[in-house]
Amino acid sequence: MPESRVYDTRFFVEYFYSPDKELVRRLKEEIKSVNQKMVSSLTIHEFHRIVLKTKGKDVATLRSNTIRRDFHIIDVDYSIAVKSAEIRAKHPIPMADSVIAATAQIKECPLFSDDAHFKKIENLKLVWCK
């Protein structure tokens, strides 16, 4: 059983809204198998904004509260901010994604995502349901 993982925004978009039932089943198995499930506070921001735009405030609040209940939320502190800046200095990726990647690196655990731009970041282990 994996000890810990950080989950990217894409995980939650697929988990809550994918039409691919097999993928959703695998994602549910994934979260049941991990001891410490973590998300960056910026993942909450990104996901809440996406759901606000597509489903409205009530659904966004419900989904964000579900994540808050089931995942440990990691706030951006000094070490994550500095690591994120170092990542962005080398890789032209959005700030939120650099913070999410930095969170996984600081927490020394894999990032659960299939976003291609994460593959270019050195010393970042990625995991995704295939």
C-alpha atoms as a PDB file:
ATOM      1  CA  MET A   1       0.000   0.000   0.000  1.00  0.00           C
ATOM      2  CA  PRO A   2       1.500   3.367  -0.995  1.00  0.00           C
ATOM      3  CA  GLU A   3       2.282   5.528   1.997  1.00  0.00           C
ATOM      4  CA  SER A   4       1.421   8.936   0.535  1.00  0.00           C
ATOM      5  CA  ARG A   5       0.590  10.860  -2.619  1.00  0.00           C
ATOM      6  CA  VAL A   6      -0.187  14.403  -3.684  1.00  0.00           C
ATOM      7  CA  TYR A   7      -3.142  14.682  -6.069  1.00  0.00           C
ATOM      8  CA  ASP A   8      -3.370  17.137  -8.948  1.00  0.00           C
ATOM      9  CA  THR A   9      -6.506  18.989 -10.045  1.00  0.00           C
ATOM     10  CA  ARG A  10      -6.894  16.635 -13.001  1.00  0.00           C
ATOM     11  CA  PHE A  11      -7.473  13.730 -10.601  1.00  0.00           C
ATOM     12  CA  PHE A  12     -10.542  15.449  -9.132  1.00  0.00           C
ATOM     13  CA  VAL A  13     -11.942  16.512 -12.504  1.00  0.00           C
ATOM     14  CA  GLU A  14     -11.768  12.896 -13.673  1.00  0.00           C
ATOM     15  CA  TYR A  15     -12.924  11.454 -10.343  1.00  0.00           C
ATOM     16  CA  PHE A  16     -16.080  13.562 -10.163  1.00  0.00           C
ATOM     17  CA  TYR A  17     -16.905  14.087 -13.845  1.00  0.00           C
ATOM     18  CA  SER A  18     -15.326  11.483 -16.128  1.00  0.00           C
ATOM     19  CA  PRO A  19     -17.785   9.594 -18.332  1.00  0.00           C
ATOM     20  CA  ASP A  20     -15.271   6.698 -18.349  1.00  0.00           C
ATOM     21  CA  LYS A  21     -16.672   4.397 -15.649  1.00  0.00           C
ATOM     22  CA  GLU A  22     -13.627   2.138 -15.717  1.00  0.00           C
ATOM     23  CA  LEU A  23     -11.316   5.091 -15.077  1.00  0.00           C
ATOM     24  CA  VAL A  24     -13.498   6.288 -12.193  1.00  0.00           C
ATOM     25  CA  ARG A  25     -13.420   2.782 -10.712  1.00  0.00           C
ATOM     26  CA  ARG A  26      -9.616   2.773 -10.867  1.00  0.00           C
ATOM     27  CA  LEU A  27      -9.443   6.243  -9.327  1.00  0.00           C
ATOM     28  CA  LYS A  28     -11.651   5.104  -6.449  1.00  0.00           C
ATOM     29  CA  GLU A  29      -9.396   2.089  -5.923  1.00  0.00           C
ATOM     30  CA  GLU A  30      -6.404   4.413  -5.946  1.00  0.00           C
ATOM     31  CA  ILE A  31      -7.622   6.601  -3.104  1.00  0.00           C
ATOM     32  CA  LYS A  32      -8.651   3.584  -1.035  1.00  0.00           C
ATOM     33  CA  SER A  33      -5.128   2.201  -1.344  1.00  0.00           C
ATOM     34  CA  VAL A  34      -3.169   5.249  -0.151  1.00  0.00           C
ATOM     35  CA  ASN A  35      -2.552   5.986   3.524  1.00  0.00           C
ATOM     36  CA  GLN A  36      -1.922   9.730   3.351  1.00  0.00           C
ATOM     37  CA  LYS A  37      -3.765  11.567   0.580  1.00  0.00           C
ATOM     38  CA  MET A  38      -2.660  15.184   0.142  1.00  0.00           C
ATOM     39  CA  VAL A  39      -3.642  18.126  -2.040  1.00  0.00           C
ATOM     40  CA  SER A  40      -2.157  21.561  -2.410  1.00  0.00           C
ATOM     41  CA  SER A  41      -4.426  24.410  -1.397  1.00  0.00           C
ATOM     42  CA  LEU A  42      -3.997  25.572  -5.011  1.00  0.00           C
ATOM     43  CA  THR A  43      -5.557  22.333  -6.214  1.00  0.00           C
ATOM     44  CA  ILE A  44      -8.615  23.284  -4.181  1.00  0.00           C
ATOM     45  CA  HIS A  45      -8.565  26.725  -5.811  1.00  0.00           C
ATOM     46  CA  GLU A  46      -8.304  25.345  -9.353  1.00  0.00           C
ATOM     47  CA  PHE A  47     -10.928  22.654  -8.876  1.00  0.00           C
ATOM     48  CA  HIS A  48     -13.374  24.943  -7.057  1.00  0.00           C
ATOM     49  CA  ARG A  49     -13.066  27.521  -9.869  1.00  0.00           C
ATOM     50  CA  ILE A  50     -13.683  24.879 -12.555  1.00  0.00           C
ATOM     51  CA  VAL A  51     -16.779  23.570 -10.778  1.00  0.00           C
ATOM     52  CA  LEU A  52     -18.059  27.103 -10.058  1.00  0.00           C
ATOM     53  CA  LYS A  53     -17.965  27.887 -13.778  1.00  0.00           C
ATOM     54  CA  THR A  54     -19.564  24.625 -14.885  1.00  0.00           C
ATOM     55  CA  LYS A  55     -21.888  23.525 -12.072  1.00  0.00           C
ATOM     56  CA  GLY A  56     -22.424  26.551  -9.824  1.00  0.00           C
ATOM     57  CA  LYS A  57     -21.572  27.576  -6.279  1.00  0.00           C
ATOM     58  CA  ASP A  58     -23.531  24.897  -4.390  1.00  0.00           C
ATOM     59  CA  VAL A  59     -21.897  22.013  -6.258  1.00  0.00           C
ATOM     60  CA  ALA A  60     -18.459  23.645  -6.047  1.00  0.00           C
ATOM     61  CA  THR A  61     -18.824  24.018  -2.287  1.00  0.00           C
ATOM     62  CA  LEU A  62     -20.022  20.422  -1.921  1.00  0.00           C
ATOM     63  CA  ARG A  63     -17.110  19.045  -3.960  1.00  0.00           C
ATOM     64  CA  SER A  64     -14.500  21.195  -2.202  1.00  0.00           C
ATOM     65  CA  ASN A  65     -15.824  20.153   1.202  1.00  0.00           C
ATOM     66  CA  THR A  66     -15.621  16.508   0.141  1.00  0.00           C
ATOM     67  CA  ILE A  67     -11.966  16.977  -0.754  1.00  0.00           C
ATOM     68  CA  ARG A  68     -11.315  18.817   2.514  1.00  0.00           C
ATOM     69  CA  ARG A  69     -12.880  15.954   4.453  1.00  0.00           C
ATOM     70  CA  ASP A  70     -10.994  13.137   2.704  1.00  0.00           C
ATOM     71  CA  PHE A  71      -7.600  14.703   1.905  1.00  0.00           C
ATOM     72  CA  HIS A  72      -4.960  16.537   3.919  1.00  0.00           C
ATOM     73  CA  ILE A  73      -4.675  20.045   2.474  1.00  0.00           C
ATOM     74  CA  ILE A  74      -1.134  21.410   2.262  1.00  0.00           C
ATOM     75  CA  ASP A  75      -0.888  25.186   2.386  1.00  0.00           C
ATOM     76  CA  VAL A  76       1.823  27.053   0.537  1.00  0.00           C
ATOM     77  CA  ASP A  77       4.634  27.777   2.975  1.00  0.00           C
ATOM     78  CA  TYR A  78       8.082  29.257   2.459  1.00  0.00           C
ATOM     79  CA  SER A  79       9.759  26.036   1.280  1.00  0.00           C
ATOM     80  CA  ILE A  80       6.989  25.222  -1.201  1.00  0.00           C
ATOM     81  CA  ALA A  81       6.996  28.807  -2.520  1.00  0.00           C
ATOM     82  CA  VAL A  82      10.762  28.760  -3.089  1.00  0.00           C
ATOM     83  CA  LYS A  83      10.723  25.288  -4.700  1.00  0.00           C
ATOM     84  CA  SER A  84       7.818  26.374  -6.922  1.00  0.00           C
ATOM     85  CA  ALA A  85       9.752  29.438  -8.091  1.00  0.00           C
ATOM     86  CA  GLU A  86      12.769  27.240  -8.886  1.00  0.00           C
ATOM     87  CA  ILE A  87      10.562  24.908 -10.930  1.00  0.00           C
ATOM     88  CA  ARG A  88       9.019  27.822 -12.858  1.00  0.00           C
ATOM     89  CA  ALA A  89      12.451  29.268 -13.551  1.00  0.00           C
ATOM     90  CA  LYS A  90      13.282  26.075 -15.474  1.00  0.00           C
ATOM     91  CA  HIS A  91       9.863  25.103 -16.871  1.00  0.00           C
ATOM     92  CA  PRO A  92       7.209  27.360 -18.440  1.00  0.00           C
ATOM     93  CA  ILE A  93       4.225  25.965 -16.532  1.00  0.00           C
ATOM     94  CA  PRO A  94       1.351  27.691 -14.726  1.00  0.00           C
ATOM     95  CA  MET A  95       2.083  28.901 -11.210  1.00  0.00           C
ATOM     96  CA  ALA A  96      -0.516  26.605  -9.643  1.00  0.00           C
ATOM     97  CA  ASP A  97       1.071  23.570 -11.297  1.00  0.00           C
ATOM     98  CA  SER A  98       4.536  24.571 -10.127  1.00  0.00           C
ATOM     99  CA  VAL A  99       3.176  24.843  -6.573  1.00  0.00           C
ATOM    100  CA  ILE A 100       1.502  21.425  -6.871  1.00  0.00           C
ATOM    101  CA  ALA A 101       4.742  19.870  -8.162  1.00  0.00           C
ATOM    102  CA  ALA A 102       6.757  21.579  -5.434  1.00  0.00           C
ATOM    103  CA  THR A 103       4.333  20.248  -2.824  1.00  0.00           C
ATOM    104  CA  ALA A 104       4.947  16.675  -4.004  1.00  0.00           C
ATOM    105  CA  GLN A 105       8.703  17.217  -3.997  1.00  0.00           C
ATOM    106  CA  ILE A 106       8.758  18.787  -0.527  1.00  0.00           C
ATOM    107  CA  LYS A 107       6.536  16.017   0.828  1.00  0.00           C
ATOM    108  CA  GLU A 108       8.815  13.475  -0.930  1.00  0.00           C
ATOM    109  CA  CYS A 109       5.983  11.532  -2.518  1.00  0.00           C
ATOM    110  CA  PRO A 110       4.582  10.906  -5.992  1.00  0.00           C
ATOM    111  CA  LEU A 111       2.247  13.321  -7.719  1.00  0.00           C
ATOM    112  CA  PHE A 112      -0.884  11.663  -9.052  1.00  0.00           C
ATOM    113  CA  SER A 113      -1.442  13.342 -12.414  1.00  0.00           C
ATOM    114  CA  ASP A 114      -1.378  12.706 -16.128  1.00  0.00           C
ATOM    115  CA  ASP A 115      -0.612  16.297 -17.173  1.00  0.00           C
ATOM    116  CA  ALA A 116       2.238  16.078 -19.662  1.00  0.00           C
ATOM    117  CA  HIS A 117       4.096  19.180 -18.492  1.00  0.00           C
ATOM    118  CA  PHE A 118       4.858  17.521 -15.149  1.00  0.00           C
ATOM    119  CA  LYS A 119       6.947  14.878 -16.958  1.00  0.00           C
ATOM    120  CA  LYS A 120       9.658  17.443 -17.689  1.00  0.00           C
ATOM    121  CA  ILE A 121      10.280  18.300 -14.028  1.00  0.00           C
ATOM    122  CA  GLU A 122      13.349  16.607 -12.593  1.00  0.00           C
ATOM    123  CA  ASN A 123      12.994  14.638  -9.363  1.00  0.00           C
ATOM    124  CA  LEU A 124       9.203  14.531  -9.630  1.00  0.00           C
ATOM    125  CA  LYS A 125       7.730  11.074  -9.535  1.00  0.00           C
ATOM    126  CA  LEU A 126       4.398  10.757 -11.339  1.00  0.00           C
ATOM    127  CA  VAL A 127       1.687   8.150 -10.974  1.00  0.00           C
ATOM    128  CA  TRP A 128      -1.543   7.742 -12.977  1.00  0.00           C
ATOM    129  CA  CYS A 129      -4.136   5.041 -13.597  1.00  0.00           C
ATOM    130  CA  LYS A 130      -3.424   3.576 -16.990  1.00  0.00           C
END
